[in-house]
Protein backbone atom coordinates (compact mmCIF):
# COMPACT_ATOMS: atom_id res chain seq x y z
CA UNK A 1 0.17 0.01 -0.25
CA UNK A 2 2.91 2.54 0.70
CA UNK A 3 4.59 1.36 -1.98
CA UNK A 4 1.83 2.03 -4.20
CA UNK A 5 1.30 5.58 -2.69
CA UNK A 6 4.73 6.35 -3.19
CA UNK A 7 4.73 5.21 -7.04
CA UNK A 8 2.03 7.25 -7.63
CA UNK A 9 3.48 10.48 -5.97
CA UNK A 10 6.43 9.58 -7.87
CA UNK A 11 4.35 9.21 -11.33
CA UNK A 12 2.69 12.86 -10.48
CA UNK A 13 5.94 14.18 -10.24
CA UNK A 14 7.77 12.95 -13.06
CA UNK A 15 4.61 14.02 -15.04
CA UNK A 16 4.54 17.71 -13.41
CA UNK A 17 8.27 18.04 -14.25
CA UNK A 18 7.74 16.88 -18.24
CA UNK A 19 5.43 19.52 -18.37
CA UNK A 20 7.59 22.39 -16.97
CA UNK A 21 9.99 20.37 -19.34
CA UNK A 22 8.22 20.83 -22.18
CA UNK A 23 7.38 24.61 -21.54
CA UNK A 24 10.94 25.81 -21.12
CA UNK A 25 11.40 23.88 -24.41
CA UNK A 26 8.92 25.82 -26.13
CA UNK A 27 10.19 28.60 -24.68
CA UNK A 28 13.72 28.55 -25.41
CA UNK A 29 12.96 27.15 -29.34
CA UNK A 30 11.04 30.49 -30.07
CA UNK A 31 14.02 32.93 -28.07
CA UNK A 32 16.56 31.02 -30.47
CA UNK A 33 14.11 32.12 -33.58
CA UNK A 34 13.80 35.39 -32.25
CA UNK A 35 17.63 35.62 -31.72
CA UNK A 36 17.83 34.60 -35.09
CA UNK A 37 15.87 36.40 -36.97
CA UNK A 38 17.04 40.03 -34.98
CA UNK A 39 20.16 38.86 -36.00
CA UNK A 40 19.05 38.46 -39.47
CA UNK A 41 17.36 42.37 -39.44
CA UNK A 42 20.81 43.38 -38.26
CA UNK A 43 22.77 42.13 -41.11
CA UNK A 44 20.24 43.57 -43.65
CA UNK A 45 20.26 46.86 -41.62
CA UNK A 46 24.25 46.80 -41.95
CA UNK A 47 23.51 46.34 -45.84
CA UNK A 48 21.22 49.12 -46.04
CA UNK A 49 24.13 51.44 -44.08
CA UNK A 50 26.32 51.22 -47.35
CA UNK A 51 23.46 51.54 -49.95
CA UNK A 52 22.52 54.78 -47.76
CA UNK A 53 26.23 55.54 -47.77
CA UNK A 54 26.76 54.54 -51.70
CA UNK A 55 23.48 56.67 -52.51
CA UNK A 56 25.87 59.77 -51.01
CA UNK A 57 28.96 58.78 -52.81
CA UNK A 58 27.19 58.90 -56.14
CA UNK A 59 25.32 62.55 -55.17
CA UNK A 60 28.81 63.47 -54.39
CA UNK A 61 30.12 62.31 -57.89
CA UNK A 62 27.60 63.93 -59.56
CA UNK A 63 27.61 67.61 -58.15
CA UNK A 64 29.88 69.05 -60.76
CA UNK A 65 27.50 67.75 -63.43
CA UNK A 66 25.35 71.27 -63.65
CA UNK A 67 21.99 70.88 -63.61
CA UNK A 68 21.61 67.63 -63.05
CA UNK A 69 18.34 65.74 -61.06
CA UNK A 70 20.26 62.90 -58.34
CA UNK A 71 17.05 61.14 -58.40
CA UNK A 72 16.89 60.58 -62.22
CA UNK A 73 20.06 58.96 -62.36
CA UNK A 74 20.13 55.51 -62.78
CA UNK A 75 22.35 54.25 -59.81
CA UNK A 76 20.38 56.01 -57.49
CA UNK A 77 16.95 55.51 -58.78
CA UNK A 78 17.90 51.31 -58.38
CA UNK A 79 19.57 51.90 -55.09
CA UNK A 80 16.77 53.75 -53.91
CA UNK A 81 14.36 50.78 -55.16
CA UNK A 82 16.87 48.32 -53.72
CA UNK A 83 16.35 50.25 -50.56
CA UNK A 84 12.74 50.32 -50.50
CA UNK A 85 12.94 46.20 -50.62
CA UNK A 86 15.25 46.10 -47.83
CA UNK A 87 13.37 48.52 -45.39
CA UNK A 88 10.33 46.04 -45.95
CA UNK A 89 12.15 43.36 -45.76
CA UNK A 90 13.32 44.77 -42.12
CA UNK A 91 10.58 45.36 -41.10
CA UNK A 92 8.97 42.35 -41.89
CA UNK A 93 11.52 40.40 -40.00
CA UNK A 94 11.13 42.45 -37.16
CA UNK A 95 7.39 41.98 -37.06
CA UNK A 96 8.37 38.42 -37.09
CA UNK A 97 10.45 38.20 -34.51
CA UNK A 98 8.13 39.99 -32.35
CA UNK A 99 5.15 37.89 -32.92
CA UNK A 100 6.92 34.84 -32.21
CA UNK A 101 7.82 36.91 -28.51
CA UNK A 102 4.42 37.78 -27.87
CA UNK A 103 3.20 34.93 -24.99
CA UNK A 104 0.14 33.11 -25.76
């Protein structure tokens, strides 16, 4: 009788530990996914900074060409279009990280 009660208590404790371990496991997976997304976002932001710098350098190159509209320069137009796509991608990565981080 005592051994049966002891076994029942032990089994109950094991189930509780498994439940808590499952919760921690799921949370760790979510945290790892968030870290990965934020790292990707950071990498894209570094790339974005390089693109902005390239636009600035191109505008500086064009300064001595008289009455030129820098927005009509093919290199500037293409880089601006790429920046818009990159900004959307960065925003999406941050949104996905935020969605994963929400406690359900």
